[in-house]
Amino acid sequence: MYTSTAISSASTYHVSSISSSSPINRVLVQIDFEVFGDFSGVYFTKYAKEMSEKLGLKGWVMLSRRGTVIGQIQGEKEKIDEMALWLRLQGSPGSRIEHANFTNWQIIDSITYRNFSIRF
């Protein structure tokens, strides 16, 4: 149902137009992400954790050795869509996002993470 999606400034992320009462939005999904840009001194992982918790998502986020932000998120499809938009278009105050890759979209039976954490 889902495919890898690369989001760059030249492309547009289309959020499903399915109504919020639709059963598809209650489907649990998992995605991996990598965000490219300048995150020096802007606490991107902290803000990503706060946004994920606000949306009720579980998973993890970390700053990679390459200077990108990587992670995995689990939750309701509608909330995952919101988080993907935040990761691509908003981010933390002062961050400069170049593009974001979202891969390994999959429907899952249950949430396997207990919370949302920052990994080091």
PDB file of N, CA and C in Angstrom:
ATOM      1  N   MET A   1       0.812  -1.186   0.000  1.00  0.00           N
ATOM      2  CA  MET A   1       0.000   0.000   0.000  1.00  0.00           C
ATOM      3  C   MET A   1       0.855   1.248   0.000  1.00  0.00           C
ATOM      4  N   TYR A   2       1.972   1.262   0.707  1.00  0.00           N
ATOM      5  CA  TYR A   2       2.837   2.427   0.773  1.00  0.00           C
ATOM      6  C   TYR A   2       4.138   2.133   0.056  1.00  0.00           C
ATOM      7  N   THR A   3       4.715   3.170  -0.512  1.00  0.00           N
ATOM      8  CA  THR A   3       6.002   3.042  -1.157  1.00  0.00           C
ATOM      9  C   THR A   3       6.949   4.066  -0.577  1.00  0.00           C
ATOM     10  N   SER A   4       8.212   3.889  -0.872  1.00  0.00           N
ATOM     11  CA  SER A   4       9.199   4.870  -0.427  1.00  0.00           C
ATOM     12  C   SER A   4       8.872   6.215  -1.036  1.00  0.00           C
ATOM     13  N   THR A   5       9.036   7.249  -0.266  1.00  0.00           N
ATOM     14  CA  THR A   5       8.725   8.588  -0.727  1.00  0.00           C
ATOM     15  C   THR A   5       9.888   9.501  -0.399  1.00  0.00           C
ATOM     16  N   ALA A   6      10.431  10.124  -1.407  1.00  0.00           N
ATOM     17  CA  ALA A   6      11.457  11.144  -1.174  1.00  0.00           C
ATOM     18  C   ALA A   6      10.790  12.490  -1.345  1.00  0.00           C
ATOM     19  N   ILE A   7      10.995  13.347  -0.403  1.00  0.00           N
ATOM     20  CA  ILE A   7      10.387  14.662  -0.461  1.00  0.00           C
ATOM     21  C   ILE A   7      11.502  15.681  -0.556  1.00  0.00           C
ATOM     22  N   SER A   8      11.473  16.451  -1.594  1.00  0.00           N
ATOM     23  CA  SER A   8      12.457  17.515  -1.741  1.00  0.00           C
ATOM     24  C   SER A   8      11.722  18.808  -1.995  1.00  0.00           C
ATOM     25  N   SER A   9      12.464  19.874  -2.054  1.00  0.00           N
ATOM     26  CA  SER A   9      11.824  21.166  -2.284  1.00  0.00           C
ATOM     27  C   SER A   9      11.169  21.218  -3.655  1.00  0.00           C
ATOM     28  N   ALA A  10      11.555  20.328  -4.553  1.00  0.00           N
ATOM     29  CA  ALA A  10      10.978  20.321  -5.888  1.00  0.00           C
ATOM     30  C   ALA A  10       9.722  19.459  -5.973  1.00  0.00           C
ATOM     31  N   SER A  11       9.401  18.733  -4.927  1.00  0.00           N
ATOM     32  CA  SER A  11       8.219  17.884  -4.967  1.00  0.00           C
ATOM     33  C   SER A  11       7.254  18.276  -3.863  1.00  0.00           C
ATOM     34  N   THR A  12       6.050  17.776  -3.975  1.00  0.00           N
ATOM     35  CA  THR A  12       5.014  18.096  -3.003  1.00  0.00           C
ATOM     36  C   THR A  12       4.556  16.824  -2.327  1.00  0.00           C
ATOM     37  N   TYR A  13       4.371  16.890  -1.030  1.00  0.00           N
ATOM     38  CA  TYR A  13       3.866  15.758  -0.259  1.00  0.00           C
ATOM     39  C   TYR A  13       2.355  15.872  -0.218  1.00  0.00           C
ATOM     40  N   HIS A  14       1.671  14.883  -0.720  1.00  0.00           N
ATOM     41  CA  HIS A  14       0.217  14.908  -0.755  1.00  0.00           C
ATOM     42  C   HIS A  14      -0.338  14.100   0.404  1.00  0.00           C
ATOM     43  N   VAL A  15      -1.046  14.765   1.283  1.00  0.00           N
ATOM     44  CA  VAL A  15      -1.690  14.099   2.400  1.00  0.00           C
ATOM     45  C   VAL A  15      -3.011  13.549   1.901  1.00  0.00           C
ATOM     46  N   SER A  16      -3.342  12.380   2.349  1.00  0.00           N
ATOM     47  CA  SER A  16      -4.582  11.737   1.950  1.00  0.00           C
ATOM     48  C   SER A  16      -5.779  12.642   2.193  1.00  0.00           C
ATOM     49  N   SER A  17      -6.694  12.654   1.245  1.00  0.00           N
ATOM     50  CA  SER A  17      -7.904  13.461   1.400  1.00  0.00           C
ATOM     51  C   SER A  17      -9.035  12.655   2.022  1.00  0.00           C
ATOM     52  N   ILE A  18      -8.724  11.495   2.544  1.00  0.00           N
ATOM     53  CA  ILE A  18      -9.722  10.657   3.193  1.00  0.00           C
ATOM     54  C   ILE A  18     -10.167  11.339   4.475  1.00  0.00           C
ATOM     55  N   SER A  19     -11.448  11.277   4.763  1.00  0.00           N
ATOM     56  CA  SER A  19     -11.963  11.955   5.956  1.00  0.00           C
ATOM     57  C   SER A  19     -11.408  11.320   7.225  1.00  0.00           C
ATOM     58  N   SER A  20     -11.386  12.112   8.300  1.00  0.00           N
ATOM     59  CA  SER A  20     -10.816  11.624   9.553  1.00  0.00           C
ATOM     60  C   SER A  20     -11.629  10.497  10.172  1.00  0.00           C
ATOM     61  N   SER A  21     -12.868  10.314   9.739  1.00  0.00           N
ATOM     62  CA  SER A  21     -13.676   9.231  10.285  1.00  0.00           C
ATOM     63  C   SER A  21     -13.475   7.927   9.517  1.00  0.00           C
ATOM     64  N   SER A  22     -12.689   7.978   8.455  1.00  0.00           N
ATOM     65  CA  SER A  22     -12.441   6.801   7.645  1.00  0.00           C
ATOM     66  C   SER A  22     -11.586   5.790   8.406  1.00  0.00           C
ATOM     67  N   PRO A  23     -11.886   4.492   8.272  1.00  0.00           N
ATOM     68  CA  PRO A  23     -11.103   3.462   8.957  1.00  0.00           C
ATOM     69  C   PRO A  23      -9.629   3.463   8.558  1.00  0.00           C
ATOM     70  N   ILE A  24      -9.289   3.934   7.349  1.00  0.00           N
ATOM     71  CA  ILE A  24      -7.892   3.931   6.919  1.00  0.00           C
ATOM     72  C   ILE A  24      -7.036   4.782   7.850  1.00  0.00           C
ATOM     73  N   ASN A  25      -7.597   5.834   8.425  1.00  0.00           N
ATOM     74  CA  ASN A  25      -6.834   6.703   9.308  1.00  0.00           C
ATOM     75  C   ASN A  25      -6.567   6.066  10.662  1.00  0.00           C
ATOM     76  N   ARG A  26      -7.296   5.026  10.999  1.00  0.00           N
ATOM     77  CA  ARG A  26      -7.058   4.316  12.249  1.00  0.00           C
ATOM     78  C   ARG A  26      -6.085   3.159  12.055  1.00  0.00           C
ATOM     79  N   VAL A  27      -5.653   2.972  10.834  1.00  0.00           N
ATOM     80  CA  VAL A  27      -4.675   1.938  10.545  1.00  0.00           C
ATOM     81  C   VAL A  27      -3.335   2.355  11.139  1.00  0.00           C
ATOM     82  N   LEU A  28      -2.662   1.406  11.776  1.00  0.00           N
ATOM     83  CA  LEU A  28      -1.346   1.682  12.350  1.00  0.00           C
ATOM     84  C   LEU A  28      -0.278   1.499  11.282  1.00  0.00           C
ATOM     85  N   VAL A  29       0.608   2.462  11.184  1.00  0.00           N
ATOM     86  CA  VAL A  29       1.695   2.382  10.218  1.00  0.00           C
ATOM     87  C   VAL A  29       3.021   2.694  10.894  1.00  0.00           C
ATOM     88  N   GLN A  30       4.077   2.331  10.194  1.00  0.00           N
ATOM     89  CA  GLN A  30       5.433   2.605  10.659  1.00  0.00           C
ATOM     90  C   GLN A  30       6.217   3.160   9.482  1.00  0.00           C
ATOM     91  N   ILE A  31       7.042   4.183   9.727  1.00  0.00           N
ATOM     92  CA  ILE A  31       7.923   4.707   8.689  1.00  0.00           C
ATOM     93  C   ILE A  31       9.311   4.946   9.272  1.00  0.00           C
ATOM     94  N   ASP A  32      10.288   4.883   8.388  1.00  0.00           N
ATOM     95  CA  ASP A  32      11.640   5.327   8.697  1.00  0.00           C
ATOM     96  C   ASP A  32      11.810   6.671   8.006  1.00  0.00           C
ATOM     97  N   PHE A  33      12.594   7.556   8.594  1.00  0.00           N
ATOM     98  CA  PHE A  33      12.804   8.855   7.961  1.00  0.00           C
ATOM     99  C   PHE A  33      14.244   9.304   8.106  1.00  0.00           C
ATOM    100  N   GLU A  34      14.648  10.171   7.182  1.00  0.00           N
ATOM    101  CA  GLU A  34      15.938  10.843   7.261  1.00  0.00           C
ATOM    102  C   GLU A  34      15.729  12.258   6.752  1.00  0.00           C
ATOM    103  N   VAL A  35      16.112  13.224   7.568  1.00  0.00           N
ATOM    104  CA  VAL A  35      15.940  14.632   7.231  1.00  0.00           C
ATOM    105  C   VAL A  35      17.322  15.236   7.009  1.00  0.00           C
ATOM    106  N   PHE A  36      17.471  15.950   5.893  1.00  0.00           N
ATOM    107  CA  PHE A  36      18.733  16.576   5.521  1.00  0.00           C
ATOM    108  C   PHE A  36      18.611  18.085   5.675  1.00  0.00           C
ATOM    109  N   GLY A  37      19.654  18.711   6.177  1.00  0.00           N
ATOM    110  CA  GLY A  37      19.641  20.158   6.330  1.00  0.00           C
ATOM    111  C   GLY A  37      20.659  20.607   7.355  1.00  0.00           C
ATOM    112  N   ASP A  38      20.435  21.793   7.899  1.00  0.00           N
ATOM    113  CA  ASP A  38      21.313  22.354   8.928  1.00  0.00           C
ATOM    114  C   ASP A  38      20.562  22.353  10.248  1.00  0.00           C
ATOM    115  N   PHE A  39      21.060  21.563  11.195  1.00  0.00           N
ATOM    116  CA  PHE A  39      20.393  21.399  12.484  1.00  0.00           C
ATOM    117  C   PHE A  39      21.278  21.837  13.649  1.00  0.00           C
ATOM    118  N   SER A  40      22.347  22.556  13.353  1.00  0.00           N
ATOM    119  CA  SER A  40      23.301  22.974  14.386  1.00  0.00           C
ATOM    120  C   SER A  40      22.654  23.919  15.389  1.00  0.00           C
ATOM    121  N   GLY A  41      22.658  23.516  16.650  1.00  0.00           N
ATOM    122  CA  GLY A  41      22.195  24.371  17.730  1.00  0.00           C
ATOM    123  C   GLY A  41      20.713  24.671  17.763  1.00  0.00           C
ATOM    124  N   VAL A  42      19.887  23.870  17.072  1.00  0.00           N
ATOM    125  CA  VAL A  42      18.447  24.163  17.036  1.00  0.00           C
ATOM    126  C   VAL A  42      17.602  23.077  17.709  1.00  0.00           C
ATOM    127  N   TYR A  43      18.247  22.111  18.339  1.00  0.00           N
ATOM    128  CA  TYR A  43      17.538  21.086  19.124  1.00  0.00           C
ATOM    129  C   TYR A  43      16.459  20.361  18.321  1.00  0.00           C
ATOM    130  N   PHE A  44      16.789  20.008  17.076  1.00  0.00           N
ATOM    131  CA  PHE A  44      15.810  19.375  16.191  1.00  0.00           C
ATOM    132  C   PHE A  44      15.253  18.096  16.802  1.00  0.00           C
ATOM    133  N   THR A  45      16.122  17.261  17.384  1.00  0.00           N
ATOM    134  CA  THR A  45      15.636  15.991  17.940  1.00  0.00           C
ATOM    135  C   THR A  45      14.693  16.226  19.117  1.00  0.00           C
ATOM    136  N   LYS A  46      14.985  17.220  19.934  1.00  0.00           N
ATOM    137  CA  LYS A  46      14.112  17.553  21.071  1.00  0.00           C
ATOM    138  C   LYS A  46      12.729  17.978  20.577  1.00  0.00           C
ATOM    139  N   TYR A  47      12.698  18.850  19.576  1.00  0.00           N
ATOM    140  CA  TYR A  47      11.419  19.306  19.040  1.00  0.00           C
ATOM    141  C   TYR A  47      10.676  18.181  18.309  1.00  0.00           C
ATOM    142  N   ALA A  48      11.424  17.304  17.630  1.00  0.00           N
ATOM    143  CA  ALA A  48      10.791  16.160  16.963  1.00  0.00           C
ATOM    144  C   ALA A  48      10.146  15.237  17.990  1.00  0.00           C
ATOM    145  N   LYS A  49      10.822  15.028  19.106  1.00  0.00           N
ATOM    146  CA  LYS A  49      10.261  14.204  20.183  1.00  0.00           C
ATOM    147  C   LYS A  49       8.992  14.849  20.731  1.00  0.00           C
ATOM    148  N   GLU A  50       9.040  16.143  21.000  1.00  0.00           N
ATOM    149  CA  GLU A  50       7.864  16.846  21.526  1.00  0.00           C
ATOM    150  C   GLU A  50       6.683  16.770  20.561  1.00  0.00           C
ATOM    151  N   MET A  51       6.937  16.968  19.267  1.00  0.00           N
ATOM    152  CA  MET A  51       5.856  16.905  18.281  1.00  0.00           C
ATOM    153  C   MET A  51       5.294  15.492  18.188  1.00  0.00           C
ATOM    154  N   SER A  52       6.158  14.490  18.198  1.00  0.00           N
ATOM    155  CA  SER A  52       5.702  13.094  18.148  1.00  0.00           C
ATOM    156  C   SER A  52       4.837  12.759  19.349  1.00  0.00           C
ATOM    157  N   GLU A  53       5.253  13.199  20.525  1.00  0.00           N
ATOM    158  CA  GLU A  53       4.464  12.942  21.733  1.00  0.00           C
ATOM    159  C   GLU A  53       3.128  13.674  21.674  1.00  0.00           C
ATOM    160  N   LYS A  54       3.123  14.893  21.168  1.00  0.00           N
ATOM    161  CA  LYS A  54       1.879  15.659  21.021  1.00  0.00           C
ATOM    162  C   LYS A  54       0.894  14.921  20.111  1.00  0.00           C
ATOM    163  N   LEU A  55       1.420  14.260  19.075  1.00  0.00           N
ATOM    164  CA  LEU A  55       0.582  13.525  18.126  1.00  0.00           C
ATOM    165  C   LEU A  55       0.269  12.104  18.594  1.00  0.00           C
ATOM    166  N   GLY A  56       0.858  11.675  19.702  1.00  0.00           N
ATOM    167  CA  GLY A  56       0.611  10.330  20.212  1.00  0.00           C
ATOM    168  C   GLY A  56       1.384   9.249  19.484  1.00  0.00           C
ATOM    169  N   LEU A  57       2.506   9.613  18.880  1.00  0.00           N
ATOM    170  CA  LEU A  57       3.313   8.660  18.131  1.00  0.00           C
ATOM    171  C   LEU A  57       4.393   8.055  19.013  1.00  0.00           C
ATOM    172  N   LYS A  58       4.869   6.891  18.609  1.00  0.00           N
ATOM    173  CA  LYS A  58       5.933   6.184  19.324  1.00  0.00           C
ATOM    174  C   LYS A  58       7.091   5.967  18.364  1.00  0.00           C
ATOM    175  N   GLY A  59       8.292   5.768  18.922  1.00  0.00           N
ATOM    176  CA  GLY A  59       9.455   5.504  18.084  1.00  0.00           C
ATOM    177  C   GLY A  59      10.699   6.152  18.627  1.00  0.00           C
ATOM    178  N   TRP A  60      11.552   6.622  17.726  1.00  0.00           N
ATOM    179  CA  TRP A  60      12.814   7.221  18.135  1.00  0.00           C
ATOM    180  C   TRP A  60      13.324   8.184  17.076  1.00  0.00           C
ATOM    181  N   VAL A  61      14.262   9.038  17.501  1.00  0.00           N
ATOM    182  CA  VAL A  61      14.917  10.000  16.618  1.00  0.00           C
ATOM    183  C   VAL A  61      16.354  10.167  17.091  1.00  0.00           C
ATOM    184  N   MET A  62      17.266  10.451  16.163  1.00  0.00           N
ATOM    185  CA  MET A  62      18.652  10.712  16.551  1.00  0.00           C
ATOM    186  C   MET A  62      19.374  11.483  15.456  1.00  0.00           C
ATOM    187  N   LEU A  63      20.444  12.143  15.844  1.00  0.00           N
ATOM    188  CA  LEU A  63      21.325  12.810  14.897  1.00  0.00           C
ATOM    189  C   LEU A  63      22.324  11.770  14.415  1.00  0.00           C
ATOM    190  N   SER A  64      22.390  11.562  13.104  1.00  0.00           N
ATOM    191  CA  SER A  64      23.292  10.544  12.555  1.00  0.00           C
ATOM    192  C   SER A  64      24.721  11.076  12.466  1.00  0.00           C
ATOM    193  N   ARG A  65      25.645  10.182  12.240  1.00  0.00           N
ATOM    194  CA  ARG A  65      27.057  10.560  12.073  1.00  0.00           C
ATOM    195  C   ARG A  65      27.253  11.449  10.852  1.00  0.00           C
ATOM    196  N   ARG A  66      26.344  11.350   9.877  1.00  0.00           N
ATOM    197  CA  ARG A  66      26.439  12.159   8.656  1.00  0.00           C
ATOM    198  C   ARG A  66      25.841  13.550   8.832  1.00  0.00           C
ATOM    199  N   GLY A  67      25.290  13.812  10.020  1.00  0.00           N
ATOM    200  CA  GLY A  67      24.705  15.124  10.267  1.00  0.00           C
ATOM    201  C   GLY A  67      23.249  15.241   9.874  1.00  0.00           C
ATOM    202  N   THR A  68      22.640  14.111   9.507  1.00  0.00           N
ATOM    203  CA  THR A  68      21.211  14.105   9.211  1.00  0.00           C
ATOM    204  C   THR A  68      20.449  13.693  10.467  1.00  0.00           C
ATOM    205  N   VAL A  69      19.158  13.871  10.440  1.00  0.00           N
ATOM    206  CA  VAL A  69      18.306  13.399  11.532  1.00  0.00           C
ATOM    207  C   VAL A  69      17.581  12.163  11.022  1.00  0.00           C
ATOM    208  N   ILE A  70      17.712  11.053  11.744  1.00  0.00           N
ATOM    209  CA  ILE A  70      17.074   9.804  11.339  1.00  0.00           C
ATOM    210  C   ILE A  70      16.152   9.319  12.447  1.00  0.00           C
ATOM    211  N   GLY A  71      15.231   8.437  12.069  1.00  0.00           N
ATOM    212  CA  GLY A  71      14.356   7.872  13.080  1.00  0.00           C
ATOM    213  C   GLY A  71      13.329   6.927  12.505  1.00  0.00           C
ATOM    214  N   GLN A  72      12.503   6.437  13.400  1.00  0.00           N
ATOM    215  CA  GLN A  72      11.406   5.544  13.040  1.00  0.00           C
ATOM    216  C   GLN A  72      10.200   5.946  13.877  1.00  0.00           C
ATOM    217  N   ILE A  73       9.044   5.984  13.229  1.00  0.00           N
ATOM    218  CA  ILE A  73       7.819   6.404  13.906  1.00  0.00           C
ATOM    219  C   ILE A  73       6.734   5.364  13.680  1.00  0.00           C
ATOM    220  N   GLN A  74       5.936   5.120  14.722  1.00  0.00           N
ATOM    221  CA  GLN A  74       4.776   4.238  14.646  1.00  0.00           C
ATOM    222  C   GLN A  74       3.560   4.982  15.179  1.00  0.00           C
ATOM    223  N   GLY A  75       2.411   4.732  14.546  1.00  0.00           N
ATOM    224  CA  GLY A  75       1.174   5.332  15.023  1.00  0.00           C
ATOM    225  C   GLY A  75       0.092   5.297  13.969  1.00  0.00           C
ATOM    226  N   GLU A  76      -0.991   6.033  14.233  1.00  0.00           N
ATOM    227  CA  GLU A  76      -2.103   6.100  13.291  1.00  0.00           C
ATOM    228  C   GLU A  76      -1.668   6.842  12.038  1.00  0.00           C
ATOM    229  N   LYS A  77      -2.135   6.365  10.887  1.00  0.00           N
ATOM    230  CA  LYS A  77      -1.735   6.928   9.599  1.00  0.00           C
ATOM    231  C   LYS A  77      -1.911   8.438   9.549  1.00  0.00           C
ATOM    232  N   GLU A  78      -3.030   8.932   9.999  1.00  0.00           N
ATOM    233  CA  GLU A  78      -3.303  10.371   9.956  1.00  0.00           C
ATOM    234  C   GLU A  78      -2.246  11.154  10.739  1.00  0.00           C
ATOM    235  N   LYS A  79      -1.846  10.648  11.880  1.00  0.00           N
ATOM    236  CA  LYS A  79      -0.845  11.318  12.715  1.00  0.00           C
ATOM    237  C   LYS A  79       0.555  11.199  12.111  1.00  0.00           C
ATOM    238  N   ILE A  80       0.832  10.054  11.497  1.00  0.00           N
ATOM    239  CA  ILE A  80       2.108   9.876  10.796  1.00  0.00           C
ATOM    240  C   ILE A  80       2.212  10.886   9.656  1.00  0.00           C
ATOM    241  N   ASP A  81       1.115  11.076   8.916  1.00  0.00           N
ATOM    242  CA  ASP A  81       1.098  12.072   7.838  1.00  0.00           C
ATOM    243  C   ASP A  81       1.418  13.465   8.376  1.00  0.00           C
ATOM    244  N   GLU A  82       0.836  13.824   9.512  1.00  0.00           N
ATOM    245  CA  GLU A  82       1.104  15.133  10.127  1.00  0.00           C
ATOM    246  C   GLU A  82       2.573  15.265  10.511  1.00  0.00           C
ATOM    247  N   MET A  83       3.130  14.213  11.083  1.00  0.00           N
ATOM    248  CA  MET A  83       4.526  14.261  11.499  1.00  0.00           C
ATOM    249  C   MET A  83       5.453  14.345  10.294  1.00  0.00           C
ATOM    250  N   ALA A  84       5.129  13.625   9.230  1.00  0.00           N
ATOM    251  CA  ALA A  84       5.949  13.681   8.017  1.00  0.00           C
ATOM    252  C   ALA A  84       5.979  15.106   7.455  1.00  0.00           C
ATOM    253  N   LEU A  85       4.841  15.770   7.468  1.00  0.00           N
ATOM    254  CA  LEU A  85       4.804  17.161   7.011  1.00  0.00           C
ATOM    255  C   LEU A  85       5.634  18.059   7.921  1.00  0.00           C
ATOM    256  N   TRP A  86       5.551  17.855   9.219  1.00  0.00           N
ATOM    257  CA  TRP A  86       6.342  18.648  10.164  1.00  0.00           C
ATOM    258  C   TRP A  86       7.838  18.440   9.914  1.00  0.00           C
ATOM    259  N   LEU A  87       8.240  17.180   9.719  1.00  0.00           N
ATOM    260  CA  LEU A  87       9.648  16.872   9.479  1.00  0.00           C
ATOM    261  C   LEU A  87      10.148  17.511   8.187  1.00  0.00           C
ATOM    262  N   ARG A  88       9.313  17.558   7.170  1.00  0.00           N
ATOM    263  CA  ARG A  88       9.731  18.087   5.873  1.00  0.00           C
ATOM    264  C   ARG A  88       9.621  19.605   5.782  1.00  0.00           C
ATOM    265  N   LEU A  89       8.564  20.169   6.351  1.00  0.00           N
ATOM    266  CA  LEU A  89       8.265  21.574   6.087  1.00  0.00           C
ATOM    267  C   LEU A  89       8.515  22.527   7.246  1.00  0.00           C
ATOM    268  N   GLN A  90       8.466  22.047   8.469  1.00  0.00           N
ATOM    269  CA  GLN A  90       8.555  22.959   9.602  1.00  0.00           C
ATOM    270  C   GLN A  90       9.819  22.739  10.422  1.00  0.00           C
ATOM    271  N   GLY A  91       9.927  21.612  11.069  1.00  0.00           N
ATOM    272  CA  GLY A  91      11.079  21.337  11.908  1.00  0.00           C
ATOM    273  C   GLY A  91      11.152  22.252  13.113  1.00  0.00           C
ATOM    274  N   SER A  92      12.297  22.255  13.749  1.00  0.00           N
ATOM    275  CA  SER A  92      12.488  23.084  14.941  1.00  0.00           C
ATOM    276  C   SER A  92      12.760  24.529  14.533  1.00  0.00           C
ATOM    277  N   PRO A  93      12.494  25.468  15.445  1.00  0.00           N
ATOM    278  CA  PRO A  93      12.798  26.871  15.143  1.00  0.00           C
ATOM    279  C   PRO A  93      14.285  27.031  14.792  1.00  0.00           C
ATOM    280  N   GLY A  94      14.558  27.689  13.696  1.00  0.00           N
ATOM    281  CA  GLY A  94      15.933  27.927  13.275  1.00  0.00           C
ATOM    282  C   GLY A  94      16.539  26.844  12.410  1.00  0.00           C
ATOM    283  N   SER A  95      15.853  25.721  12.250  1.00  0.00           N
ATOM    284  CA  SER A  95      16.404  24.660  11.401  1.00  0.00           C
ATOM    285  C   SER A  95      16.207  25.032   9.931  1.00  0.00           C
ATOM    286  N   ARG A  96      17.120  24.532   9.093  1.00  0.00           N
ATOM    287  CA  ARG A  96      17.001  24.721   7.650  1.00  0.00           C
ATOM    288  C   ARG A  96      16.927  23.339   7.019  1.00  0.00           C
ATOM    289  N   ILE A  97      15.730  22.945   6.639  1.00  0.00           N
ATOM    290  CA  ILE A  97      15.502  21.619   6.071  1.00  0.00           C
ATOM    291  C   ILE A  97      15.692  21.690   4.563  1.00  0.00           C
ATOM    292  N   GLU A  98      16.560  20.826   4.037  1.00  0.00           N
ATOM    293  CA  GLU A  98      16.771  20.749   2.595  1.00  0.00           C
ATOM    294  C   GLU A  98      15.775  19.784   1.964  1.00  0.00           C
ATOM    295  N   HIS A  99      15.706  18.583   2.493  1.00  0.00           N
ATOM    296  CA  HIS A  99      14.729  17.593   2.033  1.00  0.00           C
ATOM    297  C   HIS A  99      14.636  16.471   3.059  1.00  0.00           C
ATOM    298  N   ALA A 100      13.633  15.630   2.880  1.00  0.00           N
ATOM    299  CA  ALA A 100      13.416  14.508   3.790  1.00  0.00           C
ATOM    300  C   ALA A 100      13.059  13.271   2.983  1.00  0.00           C
ATOM    301  N   ASN A 101      13.581  12.142   3.395  1.00  0.00           N
ATOM    302  CA  ASN A 101      13.241  10.860   2.782  1.00  0.00           C
ATOM    303  C   ASN A 101      12.416  10.056   3.773  1.00  0.00           C
ATOM    304  N   PHE A 102      11.339   9.470   3.274  1.00  0.00           N
ATOM    305  CA  PHE A 102      10.475   8.616   4.085  1.00  0.00           C
ATOM    306  C   PHE A 102      10.437   7.255   3.406  1.00  0.00           C
ATOM    307  N   THR A 103      10.908   6.236   4.110  1.00  0.00           N
ATOM    308  CA  THR A 103      11.032   4.909   3.517  1.00  0.00           C
ATOM    309  C   THR A 103      10.393   3.852   4.412  1.00  0.00           C
ATOM    310  N   ASN A 104      10.264   2.671   3.847  1.00  0.00           N
ATOM    311  CA  ASN A 104       9.764   1.500   4.578  1.00  0.00           C
ATOM    312  C   ASN A 104       8.394   1.725   5.209  1.00  0.00           C
ATOM    313  N   TRP A 105       7.511   2.425   4.492  1.00  0.00           N
ATOM    314  CA  TRP A 105       6.132   2.583   4.971  1.00  0.00           C
ATOM    315  C   TRP A 105       5.517   1.195   5.050  1.00  0.00           C
ATOM    316  N   GLN A 106       4.947   0.861   6.176  1.00  0.00           N
ATOM    317  CA  GLN A 106       4.274  -0.431   6.295  1.00  0.00           C
ATOM    318  C   GLN A 106       3.137  -0.371   7.307  1.00  0.00           C
ATOM    319  N   ILE A 107       2.128  -1.145   7.037  1.00  0.00           N
ATOM    320  CA  ILE A 107       1.022  -1.293   7.979  1.00  0.00           C
ATOM    321  C   ILE A 107       1.477  -2.291   9.036  1.00  0.00           C
ATOM    322  N   ILE A 108       1.220  -1.964  10.299  1.00  0.00           N
ATOM    323  CA  ILE A 108       1.630  -2.842  11.396  1.00  0.00           C
ATOM    324  C   ILE A 108       0.404  -3.243  12.217  1.00  0.00           C
ATOM    325  N   ASP A 109       0.517  -4.367  12.899  1.00  0.00           N
ATOM    326  CA  ASP A 109      -0.590  -4.866  13.722  1.00  0.00           C
ATOM    327  C   ASP A 109      -0.676  -4.163  15.066  1.00  0.00           C
ATOM    328  N   SER A 110       0.483  -3.791  15.598  1.00  0.00           N
ATOM    329  CA  SER A 110       0.500  -3.152  16.914  1.00  0.00           C
ATOM    330  C   SER A 110       1.748  -2.288  17.059  1.00  0.00           C
ATOM    331  N   ILE A 111       1.690  -1.381  18.008  1.00  0.00           N
ATOM    332  CA  ILE A 111       2.816  -0.514  18.324  1.00  0.00           C
ATOM    333  C   ILE A 111       3.828  -1.315  19.141  1.00  0.00           C
ATOM    334  N   THR A 112       5.093  -1.273  18.757  1.00  0.00           N
ATOM    335  CA  THR A 112       6.114  -2.032  19.479  1.00  0.00           C
ATOM    336  C   THR A 112       6.973  -1.160  20.391  1.00  0.00           C
ATOM    337  N   TYR A 113       6.921   0.150  20.217  1.00  0.00           N
ATOM    338  CA  TYR A 113       7.665   1.053  21.099  1.00  0.00           C
ATOM    339  C   TYR A 113       6.772   1.495  22.249  1.00  0.00           C
ATOM    340  N   ARG A 114       7.364   1.689  23.413  1.00  0.00           N
ATOM    341  CA  ARG A 114       6.594   2.120  24.589  1.00  0.00           C
ATOM    342  C   ARG A 114       6.426   3.632  24.634  1.00  0.00           C
ATOM    343  N   ASN A 115       7.355   4.351  23.995  1.00  0.00           N
ATOM    344  CA  ASN A 115       7.322   5.809  24.030  1.00  0.00           C
ATOM    345  C   ASN A 115       8.057   6.347  22.810  1.00  0.00           C
ATOM    346  N   PHE A 116       8.343   7.632  22.823  1.00  0.00           N
ATOM    347  CA  PHE A 116       9.171   8.229  21.778  1.00  0.00           C
ATOM    348  C   PHE A 116      10.444   8.714  22.445  1.00  0.00           C
ATOM    349  N   SER A 117      11.584   8.264  21.945  1.00  0.00           N
ATOM    350  CA  SER A 117      12.845   8.580  22.615  1.00  0.00           C
ATOM    351  C   SER A 117      13.851   9.231  21.669  1.00  0.00           C
ATOM    352  N   ILE A 118      14.795   9.921  22.268  1.00  0.00           N
ATOM    353  CA  ILE A 118      15.941  10.453  21.541  1.00  0.00           C
ATOM    354  C   ILE A 118      17.089   9.490  21.783  1.00  0.00           C
ATOM    355  N   ARG A 119      17.654   8.980  20.696  1.00  0.00           N
ATOM    356  CA  ARG A 119      18.796   8.071  20.807  1.00  0.00           C
ATOM    357  C   ARG A 119      20.086   8.852  20.597  1.00  0.00           C
ATOM    358  N   PHE A 120      21.155   8.338  21.202  1.00  0.00           N
ATOM    359  CA  PHE A 120      22.464   8.992  21.083  1.00  0.00           C
ATOM    360  C   PHE A 120      23.491   8.056  20.493  1.00  0.00           C
TER     361      PHE A 120
END
